[in-house]
């Protein structure tokens, strides 16, 4: 089985490529450079500027599945109009050009597993959100809706399409958890604002597992929430992380100060999404880390031994 991955050098992409390669799958990646990134577990790298036009046919020949993980990191810099355009285009235009590439093939891949995010739901307070819940409002919700619409165009080509709406990925290799560790280890960690907003987390092993499950499960299509089955509030997450690190967590971070500092990007921190992985569970996916405490224990041990 040959699998092509866009965004292969990102947090999820690297781990997914390694997992698939370890299963003896043939994994190829696309990159702006033709040089294979160091440490990336892929057999081939194809050069492609995703904003310039359709994905080259050479990259797609013989491919059985495509995983689309491309996208500018949300926390790369403050959300100016230019940065918001980059966030959108790196997802929406890239996916549009990827599907255009699929259209040119005589033999099309069986499945396109395309990234999305829980930002699709917007800020929803305590409402329980499943894959059938309607979209919300705000910049990220609009981006996710456009992103999914572009990927869904592949359905007309006879390709099964899955949209993985990813939550906050916890990993010992980077991402949100690693950014939190320094202030917490210094005893300066605390809840964001009231701490009552829901925090849709997932262990890196499980988000990789859900992407793999989406590739291999022929009956699975449409949106799949990439989150753990036991969501927690920001306050609960903060207390659990502090407990795991044996540090205090009593200094709340003022919401107004962060909103002034971060601007519109603060919606990612203060939005509340109580998301449940109904589709993943219903299709037979079994979580390695359904509960937060064991997930943090595993990752923090990994961080110490890395």
C-alpha atoms as a PDB file:
ATOM      1  CA  UNK A   1       0.000   0.000   0.000  1.00  0.00           C
ATOM      2  CA  UNK A   2       1.400   3.391  -1.006  1.00  0.00           C
ATOM      3  CA  UNK A   3       0.376   6.467   0.981  1.00  0.00           C
ATOM      4  CA  UNK A   4       1.155  10.072   0.068  1.00  0.00           C
ATOM      5  CA  UNK A   5       1.347  12.595   2.922  1.00  0.00           C
ATOM      6  CA  UNK A   6       1.270  16.388   2.649  1.00  0.00           C
ATOM      7  CA  UNK A   7       2.440  18.310   5.710  1.00  0.00           C
ATOM      8  CA  UNK A   8       4.660  15.341   6.552  1.00  0.00           C
ATOM      9  CA  UNK A   9       7.185  17.423   8.522  1.00  0.00           C
ATOM     10  CA  UNK A  10       4.608  18.679  11.031  1.00  0.00           C
ATOM     11  CA  UNK A  11       3.942  17.276  14.494  1.00  0.00           C
ATOM     12  CA  UNK A  12       1.326  14.755  13.355  1.00  0.00           C
ATOM     13  CA  UNK A  13       2.906  14.139   9.955  1.00  0.00           C
ATOM     14  CA  UNK A  14       6.272  12.954  11.261  1.00  0.00           C
ATOM     15  CA  UNK A  15       4.697  10.545  13.738  1.00  0.00           C
ATOM     16  CA  UNK A  16       2.214   9.234  11.186  1.00  0.00           C
ATOM     17  CA  UNK A  17       4.922   8.636   8.562  1.00  0.00           C
ATOM     18  CA  UNK A  18       6.985   6.735  11.136  1.00  0.00           C
ATOM     19  CA  UNK A  19       4.003   4.590  12.209  1.00  0.00           C
ATOM     20  CA  UNK A  20       3.044   3.718   8.627  1.00  0.00           C
ATOM     21  CA  UNK A  21       6.639   2.998   7.611  1.00  0.00           C
ATOM     22  CA  UNK A  22       7.060   0.723  10.643  1.00  0.00           C
ATOM     23  CA  UNK A  23       4.055  -1.240   9.315  1.00  0.00           C
ATOM     24  CA  UNK A  24       5.914  -1.705   6.006  1.00  0.00           C
ATOM     25  CA  UNK A  25       3.671   0.728   4.120  1.00  0.00           C
ATOM     26  CA  UNK A  26       5.325   2.697   1.342  1.00  0.00           C
ATOM     27  CA  UNK A  27       5.107   6.344   2.396  1.00  0.00           C
ATOM     28  CA  UNK A  28       5.836   9.305   0.131  1.00  0.00           C
ATOM     29  CA  UNK A  29       5.802  12.993   1.013  1.00  0.00           C
ATOM     30  CA  UNK A  30       5.558  16.292  -0.826  1.00  0.00           C
ATOM     31  CA  UNK A  31       7.720  19.267   0.046  1.00  0.00           C
ATOM     32  CA  UNK A  32       8.645  22.665  -1.352  1.00  0.00           C
ATOM     33  CA  UNK A  33      12.170  21.259  -1.548  1.00  0.00           C
ATOM     34  CA  UNK A  34      13.200  18.098  -3.375  1.00  0.00           C
ATOM     35  CA  UNK A  35      15.605  17.267  -0.538  1.00  0.00           C
ATOM     36  CA  UNK A  36      14.355  14.694   1.936  1.00  0.00           C
ATOM     37  CA  UNK A  37      13.946  16.325   5.386  1.00  0.00           C
ATOM     38  CA  UNK A  38      16.285  14.878   7.989  1.00  0.00           C
ATOM     39  CA  UNK A  39      14.777  12.064  10.052  1.00  0.00           C
ATOM     40  CA  UNK A  40      11.561  11.842   8.026  1.00  0.00           C
ATOM     41  CA  UNK A  41      10.471   8.217   7.640  1.00  0.00           C
ATOM     42  CA  UNK A  42       9.438   8.241   3.982  1.00  0.00           C
ATOM     43  CA  UNK A  43      10.612   6.400   0.889  1.00  0.00           C
ATOM     44  CA  UNK A  44      10.249   9.326  -1.529  1.00  0.00           C
ATOM     45  CA  UNK A  45       9.870  13.101  -1.516  1.00  0.00           C
ATOM     46  CA  UNK A  46       8.217  14.988  -4.387  1.00  0.00           C
ATOM     47  CA  UNK A  47       8.689  18.709  -4.884  1.00  0.00           C
ATOM     48  CA  UNK A  48       5.535  20.834  -4.952  1.00  0.00           C
ATOM     49  CA  UNK A  49       4.611  24.440  -4.208  1.00  0.00           C
ATOM     50  CA  UNK A  50       1.006  23.920  -3.059  1.00  0.00           C
ATOM     51  CA  UNK A  51      -0.011  27.479  -3.913  1.00  0.00           C
ATOM     52  CA  UNK A  52       1.226  27.307  -7.489  1.00  0.00           C
ATOM     53  CA  UNK A  53      -1.072  24.727  -9.024  1.00  0.00           C
ATOM     54  CA  UNK A  54      -2.259  21.098  -8.964  1.00  0.00           C
ATOM     55  CA  UNK A  55      -0.185  18.397  -7.309  1.00  0.00           C
ATOM     56  CA  UNK A  56       2.056  16.808  -9.982  1.00  0.00           C
ATOM     57  CA  UNK A  57       0.803  13.517 -11.379  1.00  0.00           C
ATOM     58  CA  UNK A  58       4.180  11.886 -10.697  1.00  0.00           C
ATOM     59  CA  UNK A  59       3.578  12.278  -6.954  1.00  0.00           C
ATOM     60  CA  UNK A  60       0.193  10.555  -7.234  1.00  0.00           C
ATOM     61  CA  UNK A  61       0.997   7.657  -9.554  1.00  0.00           C
ATOM     62  CA  UNK A  62       0.317   4.352  -7.829  1.00  0.00           C
ATOM     63  CA  UNK A  63      -0.923   6.002  -4.642  1.00  0.00           C
ATOM     64  CA  UNK A  64      -3.643   4.126  -2.713  1.00  0.00           C
ATOM     65  CA  UNK A  65      -4.337   6.777  -0.058  1.00  0.00           C
ATOM     66  CA  UNK A  66      -3.610  10.474   0.474  1.00  0.00           C
ATOM     67  CA  UNK A  67      -3.293  12.147   3.869  1.00  0.00           C
ATOM     68  CA  UNK A  68      -3.528  15.940   3.733  1.00  0.00           C
ATOM     69  CA  UNK A  69      -1.931  17.593   6.766  1.00  0.00           C
ATOM     70  CA  UNK A  70      -0.624  20.790   5.181  1.00  0.00           C
ATOM     71  CA  UNK A  71      -1.240  24.075   6.977  1.00  0.00           C
ATOM     72  CA  UNK A  72       0.527  27.086   8.472  1.00  0.00           C
ATOM     73  CA  UNK A  73       0.831  26.681  12.280  1.00  0.00           C
ATOM     74  CA  UNK A  74      -1.814  28.742  14.063  1.00  0.00           C
ATOM     75  CA  UNK A  75       0.658  30.057  16.634  1.00  0.00           C
ATOM     76  CA  UNK A  76       3.460  30.960  14.222  1.00  0.00           C
ATOM     77  CA  UNK A  77       2.855  34.699  14.705  1.00  0.00           C
ATOM     78  CA  UNK A  78       0.167  37.256  15.586  1.00  0.00           C
ATOM     79  CA  UNK A  79      -2.905  37.121  13.337  1.00  0.00           C
ATOM     80  CA  UNK A  80      -2.496  40.101  11.037  1.00  0.00           C
ATOM     81  CA  UNK A  81      -4.645  40.179   7.901  1.00  0.00           C
ATOM     82  CA  UNK A  82      -1.670  38.790   5.987  1.00  0.00           C
ATOM     83  CA  UNK A  83      -1.131  35.960   8.495  1.00  0.00           C
ATOM     84  CA  UNK A  84      -4.832  35.024   8.457  1.00  0.00           C
ATOM     85  CA  UNK A  85      -4.669  34.845   4.671  1.00  0.00           C
ATOM     86  CA  UNK A  86      -1.638  32.539   4.961  1.00  0.00           C
ATOM     87  CA  UNK A  87      -3.442  30.318   7.502  1.00  0.00           C
ATOM     88  CA  UNK A  88      -6.445  30.057   5.194  1.00  0.00           C
ATOM     89  CA  UNK A  89      -4.621  29.607   1.894  1.00  0.00           C
ATOM     90  CA  UNK A  90      -2.179  27.038   3.287  1.00  0.00           C
ATOM     91  CA  UNK A  91      -5.209  24.868   4.020  1.00  0.00           C
ATOM     92  CA  UNK A  92      -7.906  25.811   1.523  1.00  0.00           C
ATOM     93  CA  UNK A  93      -5.866  26.521  -1.627  1.00  0.00           C
ATOM     94  CA  UNK A  94      -3.517  23.605  -0.933  1.00  0.00           C
ATOM     95  CA  UNK A  95      -6.443  21.208  -0.613  1.00  0.00           C
ATOM     96  CA  UNK A  96      -8.069  22.626  -3.758  1.00  0.00           C
ATOM     97  CA  UNK A  97      -4.875  22.051  -5.745  1.00  0.00           C
ATOM     98  CA  UNK A  98      -4.447  18.590  -4.273  1.00  0.00           C
ATOM     99  CA  UNK A  99      -7.944  17.568  -5.418  1.00  0.00           C
ATOM    100  CA  UNK A 100      -7.255  19.070  -8.853  1.00  0.00           C
ATOM    101  CA  UNK A 101      -4.258  16.759  -9.040  1.00  0.00           C
ATOM    102  CA  UNK A 102      -6.464  13.773  -8.203  1.00  0.00           C
ATOM    103  CA  UNK A 103      -8.821  14.747 -10.999  1.00  0.00           C
ATOM    104  CA  UNK A 104      -6.109  14.174 -13.598  1.00  0.00           C
ATOM    105  CA  UNK A 105      -5.498  10.548 -12.588  1.00  0.00           C
ATOM    106  CA  UNK A 106      -6.838   7.526 -14.416  1.00  0.00           C
ATOM    107  CA  UNK A 107      -6.409   5.427 -11.263  1.00  0.00           C
ATOM    108  CA  UNK A 108      -7.439   7.473  -8.271  1.00  0.00           C
ATOM    109  CA  UNK A 109      -6.588   6.685  -4.641  1.00  0.00           C
ATOM    110  CA  UNK A 110      -9.289   4.955  -2.644  1.00  0.00           C
ATOM    111  CA  UNK A 111      -9.297   7.522   0.156  1.00  0.00           C
ATOM    112  CA  UNK A 112      -8.361  11.100   1.005  1.00  0.00           C
ATOM    113  CA  UNK A 113      -7.960  11.704   4.744  1.00  0.00           C
ATOM    114  CA  UNK A 114      -7.828  15.465   5.091  1.00  0.00           C
ATOM    115  CA  UNK A 115      -7.034  17.508   8.161  1.00  0.00           C
ATOM    116  CA  UNK A 116      -9.513  19.836   9.793  1.00  0.00           C
ATOM    117  CA  UNK A 117      -9.842  21.090  13.361  1.00  0.00           C
ATOM    118  CA  UNK A 118     -12.263  21.376  16.263  1.00  0.00           C
ATOM    119  CA  UNK A 119     -12.224  25.088  15.462  1.00  0.00           C
ATOM    120  CA  UNK A 120     -14.999  24.069  13.036  1.00  0.00           C
ATOM    121  CA  UNK A 121     -17.418  24.264  15.977  1.00  0.00           C
ATOM    122  CA  UNK A 122     -16.462  27.740  17.170  1.00  0.00           C
ATOM    123  CA  UNK A 123     -16.874  28.792  20.811  1.00  0.00           C
ATOM    124  CA  UNK A 124     -19.784  26.673  22.109  1.00  0.00           C
ATOM    125  CA  UNK A 125     -19.597  26.830  25.914  1.00  0.00           C
ATOM    126  CA  UNK A 126     -20.786  23.613  27.602  1.00  0.00           C
ATOM    127  CA  UNK A 127     -22.638  22.224  24.568  1.00  0.00           C
ATOM    128  CA  UNK A 128     -21.646  18.622  23.758  1.00  0.00           C
ATOM    129  CA  UNK A 129     -20.368  18.549  20.179  1.00  0.00           C
ATOM    130  CA  UNK A 130     -20.448  15.527  17.893  1.00  0.00           C
ATOM    131  CA  UNK A 131     -19.676  15.219  14.199  1.00  0.00           C
ATOM    132  CA  UNK A 132     -23.293  16.033  13.320  1.00  0.00           C
ATOM    133  CA  UNK A 133     -23.227  19.324  15.260  1.00  0.00           C
ATOM    134  CA  UNK A 134     -23.502  22.424  13.059  1.00  0.00           C
ATOM    135  CA  UNK A 135     -20.504  24.713  12.488  1.00  0.00           C
ATOM    136  CA  UNK A 136     -19.905  27.722  14.684  1.00  0.00           C
ATOM    137  CA  UNK A 137     -18.743  31.243  13.966  1.00  0.00           C
ATOM    138  CA  UNK A 138     -15.407  33.031  13.799  1.00  0.00           C
ATOM    139  CA  UNK A 139     -12.317  32.926  11.659  1.00  0.00           C
ATOM    140  CA  UNK A 140     -11.233  29.347  12.390  1.00  0.00           C
ATOM    141  CA  UNK A 141     -14.728  27.964  11.901  1.00  0.00           C
ATOM    142  CA  UNK A 142     -14.916  29.645   8.496  1.00  0.00           C
ATOM    143  CA  UNK A 143     -11.479  28.288   7.525  1.00  0.00           C
ATOM    144  CA  UNK A 144     -12.396  24.753   8.592  1.00  0.00           C
ATOM    145  CA  UNK A 145     -15.654  24.857   6.659  1.00  0.00           C
ATOM    146  CA  UNK A 146     -13.865  25.988   3.478  1.00  0.00           C
ATOM    147  CA  UNK A 147     -11.109  23.437   4.070  1.00  0.00           C
ATOM    148  CA  UNK A 148     -13.616  20.587   4.332  1.00  0.00           C
ATOM    149  CA  UNK A 149     -15.600  21.760   1.306  1.00  0.00           C
ATOM    150  CA  UNK A 150     -12.469  21.649  -0.859  1.00  0.00           C
ATOM    151  CA  UNK A 151     -11.588  18.129   0.330  1.00  0.00           C
ATOM    152  CA  UNK A 152     -15.190  16.959  -0.201  1.00  0.00           C
ATOM    153  CA  UNK A 153     -14.879  17.742  -3.917  1.00  0.00           C
ATOM    154  CA  UNK A 154     -12.917  14.488  -4.188  1.00  0.00           C
ATOM    155  CA  UNK A 155     -16.128  12.559  -3.456  1.00  0.00           C
ATOM    156  CA  UNK A 156     -17.301  13.448  -6.976  1.00  0.00           C
ATOM    157  CA  UNK A 157     -14.186  11.659  -8.272  1.00  0.00           C
ATOM    158  CA  UNK A 158     -15.168   8.443  -6.496  1.00  0.00           C
ATOM    159  CA  UNK A 159     -12.738   8.942  -3.619  1.00  0.00           C
ATOM    160  CA  UNK A 160     -13.763   8.222  -0.020  1.00  0.00           C
ATOM    161  CA  UNK A 161     -13.146  11.388   2.003  1.00  0.00           C
ATOM    162  CA  UNK A 162     -12.581  11.667   5.764  1.00  0.00           C
ATOM    163  CA  UNK A 163     -12.166  15.013   7.563  1.00  0.00           C
ATOM    164  CA  UNK A 164     -10.272  14.584  10.861  1.00  0.00           C
ATOM    165  CA  UNK A 165     -11.215  17.486  13.126  1.00  0.00           C
ATOM    166  CA  UNK A 166      -8.149  17.533  15.348  1.00  0.00           C
ATOM    167  CA  UNK A 167      -8.096  18.870  18.886  1.00  0.00           C
ATOM    168  CA  UNK A 168      -5.063  19.947  20.950  1.00  0.00           C
ATOM    169  CA  UNK A 169      -2.400  17.311  20.305  1.00  0.00           C
ATOM    170  CA  UNK A 170      -0.254  16.430  23.322  1.00  0.00           C
ATOM    171  CA  UNK A 171       3.211  15.203  22.382  1.00  0.00           C
ATOM    172  CA  UNK A 172       6.711  14.935  23.826  1.00  0.00           C
ATOM    173  CA  UNK A 173       8.119  16.122  20.478  1.00  0.00           C
ATOM    174  CA  UNK A 174       6.681  19.640  20.410  1.00  0.00           C
ATOM    175  CA  UNK A 175       3.312  21.341  20.210  1.00  0.00           C
ATOM    176  CA  UNK A 176       1.142  22.739  22.993  1.00  0.00           C
ATOM    177  CA  UNK A 177       2.364  20.550  25.866  1.00  0.00           C
ATOM    178  CA  UNK A 178       6.036  21.375  25.373  1.00  0.00           C
ATOM    179  CA  UNK A 179       5.240  25.101  25.366  1.00  0.00           C
ATOM    180  CA  UNK A 180       3.409  24.732  28.675  1.00  0.00           C
ATOM    181  CA  UNK A 181       6.125  22.816  30.502  1.00  0.00           C
ATOM    182  CA  UNK A 182       8.579  25.667  31.202  1.00  0.00           C
ATOM    183  CA  UNK A 183       6.180  27.982  33.082  1.00  0.00           C
ATOM    184  CA  UNK A 184       4.679  25.032  34.949  1.00  0.00           C
ATOM    185  CA  UNK A 185       8.073  23.692  35.978  1.00  0.00           C
ATOM    186  CA  UNK A 186       8.862  27.181  37.313  1.00  0.00           C
ATOM    187  CA  UNK A 187       5.651  27.151  39.337  1.00  0.00           C
ATOM    188  CA  UNK A 188       4.140  29.881  37.148  1.00  0.00           C
ATOM    189  CA  UNK A 189       1.495  27.805  35.408  1.00  0.00           C
ATOM    190  CA  UNK A 190      -2.201  28.349  35.875  1.00  0.00           C
ATOM    191  CA  UNK A 191      -5.587  28.252  34.194  1.00  0.00           C
ATOM    192  CA  UNK A 192      -6.338  30.611  31.328  1.00  0.00           C
ATOM    193  CA  UNK A 193      -8.938  33.117  32.418  1.00  0.00           C
ATOM    194  CA  UNK A 194     -11.774  31.407  34.289  1.00  0.00           C
ATOM    195  CA  UNK A 195     -10.499  27.954  33.296  1.00  0.00           C
ATOM    196  CA  UNK A 196     -14.086  26.876  32.597  1.00  0.00           C
ATOM    197  CA  UNK A 197     -13.626  26.590  28.837  1.00  0.00           C
ATOM    198  CA  UNK A 198     -13.460  23.022  27.516  1.00  0.00           C
ATOM    199  CA  UNK A 199     -10.093  21.731  26.333  1.00  0.00           C
ATOM    200  CA  UNK A 200     -10.396  19.078  23.558  1.00  0.00           C
ATOM    201  CA  UNK A 201      -7.088  17.227  23.973  1.00  0.00           C
ATOM    202  CA  UNK A 202      -5.661  14.046  22.403  1.00  0.00           C
ATOM    203  CA  UNK A 203      -2.445  12.044  22.845  1.00  0.00           C
ATOM    204  CA  UNK A 204      -0.167  11.991  19.784  1.00  0.00           C
ATOM    205  CA  UNK A 205      -0.420   8.190  19.612  1.00  0.00           C
ATOM    206  CA  UNK A 206      -4.197   8.420  19.334  1.00  0.00           C
ATOM    207  CA  UNK A 207      -4.354  11.161  16.704  1.00  0.00           C
ATOM    208  CA  UNK A 208      -1.904   9.115  14.631  1.00  0.00           C
ATOM    209  CA  UNK A 209      -4.100   6.096  15.351  1.00  0.00           C
ATOM    210  CA  UNK A 210      -7.231   7.918  14.169  1.00  0.00           C
ATOM    211  CA  UNK A 211      -5.565   8.993  10.916  1.00  0.00           C
ATOM    212  CA  UNK A 212      -4.383   5.432  10.339  1.00  0.00           C
ATOM    213  CA  UNK A 213      -7.837   4.062  11.265  1.00  0.00           C
ATOM    214  CA  UNK A 214      -9.408   6.503   8.790  1.00  0.00           C
ATOM    215  CA  UNK A 215      -7.153   5.229   6.006  1.00  0.00           C
ATOM    216  CA  UNK A 216      -7.814   1.563   6.695  1.00  0.00           C
ATOM    217  CA  UNK A 217     -11.530   1.588   7.593  1.00  0.00           C
ATOM    218  CA  UNK A 218     -13.408   1.514   4.293  1.00  0.00           C
ATOM    219  CA  UNK A 219     -16.772   2.222   5.939  1.00  0.00           C
ATOM    220  CA  UNK A 220     -15.598   5.463   7.560  1.00  0.00           C
ATOM    221  CA  UNK A 221     -16.336   8.718   5.734  1.00  0.00           C
ATOM    222  CA  UNK A 222     -17.136  12.336   6.531  1.00  0.00           C
ATOM    223  CA  UNK A 223     -16.099  14.176   9.700  1.00  0.00           C
ATOM    224  CA  UNK A 224     -14.256  12.380  12.503  1.00  0.00           C
ATOM    225  CA  UNK A 225     -13.439  14.218  15.722  1.00  0.00           C
ATOM    226  CA  UNK A 226      -9.789  13.683  16.596  1.00  0.00           C
ATOM    227  CA  UNK A 227     -10.106  14.139  20.350  1.00  0.00           C
ATOM    228  CA  UNK A 228      -9.979  11.936  23.449  1.00  0.00           C
ATOM    229  CA  UNK A 229     -13.317  10.569  24.707  1.00  0.00           C
ATOM    230  CA  UNK A 230     -12.938  12.242  28.120  1.00  0.00           C
ATOM    231  CA  UNK A 231     -12.730  16.033  27.564  1.00  0.00           C
ATOM    232  CA  UNK A 232     -11.646  18.280  30.423  1.00  0.00           C
ATOM    233  CA  UNK A 233     -11.898  21.976  31.145  1.00  0.00           C
ATOM    234  CA  UNK A 234      -8.824  24.180  30.934  1.00  0.00           C
ATOM    235  CA  UNK A 235      -8.829  24.385  34.723  1.00  0.00           C
ATOM    236  CA  UNK A 236      -8.928  20.598  35.065  1.00  0.00           C
ATOM    237  CA  UNK A 237      -6.142  20.204  32.534  1.00  0.00           C
ATOM    238  CA  UNK A 238      -4.041  22.758  34.421  1.00  0.00           C
ATOM    239  CA  UNK A 239      -4.514  20.985  37.745  1.00  0.00           C
ATOM    240  CA  UNK A 240      -3.686  17.576  36.224  1.00  0.00           C
ATOM    241  CA  UNK A 241      -0.523  18.864  34.562  1.00  0.00           C
ATOM    242  CA  UNK A 242       0.606  20.595  37.762  1.00  0.00           C
ATOM    243  CA  UNK A 243      -0.043  17.401  39.732  1.00  0.00           C
ATOM    244  CA  UNK A 244       1.984  15.346  37.241  1.00  0.00           C
ATOM    245  CA  UNK A 245       4.881  17.818  37.527  1.00  0.00           C
ATOM    246  CA  UNK A 246       4.517  18.188  41.305  1.00  0.00           C
ATOM    247  CA  UNK A 247       4.170  21.941  40.898  1.00  0.00           C
ATOM    248  CA  UNK A 248       1.569  24.481  42.012  1.00  0.00           C
ATOM    249  CA  UNK A 249      -0.973  25.902  39.567  1.00  0.00           C
ATOM    250  CA  UNK A 250      -2.755  28.690  41.355  1.00  0.00           C
ATOM    251  CA  UNK A 251      -1.860  31.731  39.243  1.00  0.00           C
ATOM    252  CA  UNK A 252      -4.612  32.279  36.658  1.00  0.00           C
ATOM    253  CA  UNK A 253      -3.483  33.976  33.466  1.00  0.00           C
ATOM    254  CA  UNK A 254      -5.644  37.113  33.003  1.00  0.00           C
ATOM    255  CA  UNK A 255      -7.856  36.735  29.942  1.00  0.00           C
ATOM    256  CA  UNK A 256      -7.813  40.428  29.078  1.00  0.00           C
ATOM    257  CA  UNK A 257      -4.014  40.575  29.137  1.00  0.00           C
ATOM    258  CA  UNK A 258      -3.709  37.642  26.732  1.00  0.00           C
ATOM    259  CA  UNK A 259      -6.365  39.044  24.412  1.00  0.00           C
ATOM    260  CA  UNK A 260      -4.444  42.329  24.214  1.00  0.00           C
ATOM    261  CA  UNK A 261      -1.143  40.504  23.730  1.00  0.00           C
ATOM    262  CA  UNK A 262      -2.325  37.936  21.170  1.00  0.00           C
ATOM    263  CA  UNK A 263      -5.176  39.727  19.434  1.00  0.00           C
ATOM    264  CA  UNK A 264      -7.633  37.585  17.481  1.00  0.00           C
ATOM    265  CA  UNK A 265      -5.440  34.486  17.901  1.00  0.00           C
ATOM    266  CA  UNK A 266      -6.597  34.372  21.538  1.00  0.00           C
ATOM    267  CA  UNK A 267      -9.873  32.837  20.305  1.00  0.00           C
ATOM    268  CA  UNK A 268      -7.954  29.544  20.030  1.00  0.00           C
ATOM    269  CA  UNK A 269      -7.105  29.710  23.745  1.00  0.00           C
ATOM    270  CA  UNK A 270     -10.410  30.917  25.126  1.00  0.00           C
ATOM    271  CA  UNK A 271     -12.864  29.175  22.815  1.00  0.00           C
ATOM    272  CA  UNK A 272     -14.743  26.348  24.527  1.00  0.00           C
ATOM    273  CA  UNK A 273     -15.323  23.123  22.599  1.00  0.00           C
ATOM    274  CA  UNK A 274     -16.690  20.100  24.441  1.00  0.00           C
ATOM    275  CA  UNK A 275     -16.020  17.720  21.561  1.00  0.00           C
ATOM    276  CA  UNK A 276     -16.659  13.970  21.623  1.00  0.00           C
ATOM    277  CA  UNK A 277     -15.173  11.378  19.197  1.00  0.00           C
ATOM    278  CA  UNK A 278     -18.445   9.632  18.399  1.00  0.00           C
ATOM    279  CA  UNK A 279     -17.552   8.596  14.826  1.00  0.00           C
ATOM    280  CA  UNK A 280     -14.162   7.133  15.796  1.00  0.00           C
ATOM    281  CA  UNK A 281     -15.670   5.085  18.613  1.00  0.00           C
ATOM    282  CA  UNK A 282     -18.646   3.929  16.530  1.00  0.00           C
ATOM    283  CA  UNK A 283     -16.299   2.723  13.775  1.00  0.00           C
ATOM    284  CA  UNK A 284     -14.289   0.597  16.205  1.00  0.00           C
ATOM    285  CA  UNK A 285     -11.318   2.768  17.114  1.00  0.00           C
ATOM    286  CA  UNK A 286      -9.923   1.915  20.566  1.00  0.00           C
ATOM    287  CA  UNK A 287      -8.100   4.733  22.341  1.00  0.00           C
ATOM    288  CA  UNK A 288      -4.681   4.089  23.870  1.00  0.00           C
ATOM    289  CA  UNK A 289      -5.122   7.082  26.206  1.00  0.00           C
ATOM    290  CA  UNK A 290      -8.801   7.909  26.847  1.00  0.00           C
ATOM    291  CA  UNK A 291      -7.960   9.597  30.183  1.00  0.00           C
ATOM    292  CA  UNK A 292      -5.763  12.635  30.716  1.00  0.00           C
ATOM    293  CA  UNK A 293      -3.682  11.535  33.729  1.00  0.00           C
ATOM    294  CA  UNK A 294      -2.187   8.414  32.063  1.00  0.00           C
ATOM    295  CA  UNK A 295      -1.634  10.396  28.845  1.00  0.00           C
ATOM    296  CA  UNK A 296       0.367  13.069  30.679  1.00  0.00           C
ATOM    297  CA  UNK A 297       2.276  10.445  32.677  1.00  0.00           C
ATOM    298  CA  UNK A 298       3.347   8.717  29.461  1.00  0.00           C
ATOM    299  CA  UNK A 299       4.429  11.935  27.743  1.00  0.00           C
ATOM    300  CA  UNK A 300       6.250  13.396  30.711  1.00  0.00           C
ATOM    301  CA  UNK A 301       8.218  10.171  31.196  1.00  0.00           C
ATOM    302  CA  UNK A 302       9.086  10.279  27.502  1.00  0.00           C
ATOM    303  CA  UNK A 303      10.252  13.905  27.861  1.00  0.00           C
ATOM    304  CA  UNK A 304      12.575  12.990  30.730  1.00  0.00           C
ATOM    305  CA  UNK A 305      14.128  10.065  28.884  1.00  0.00           C
ATOM    306  CA  UNK A 306      14.426  11.827  25.503  1.00  0.00           C
END
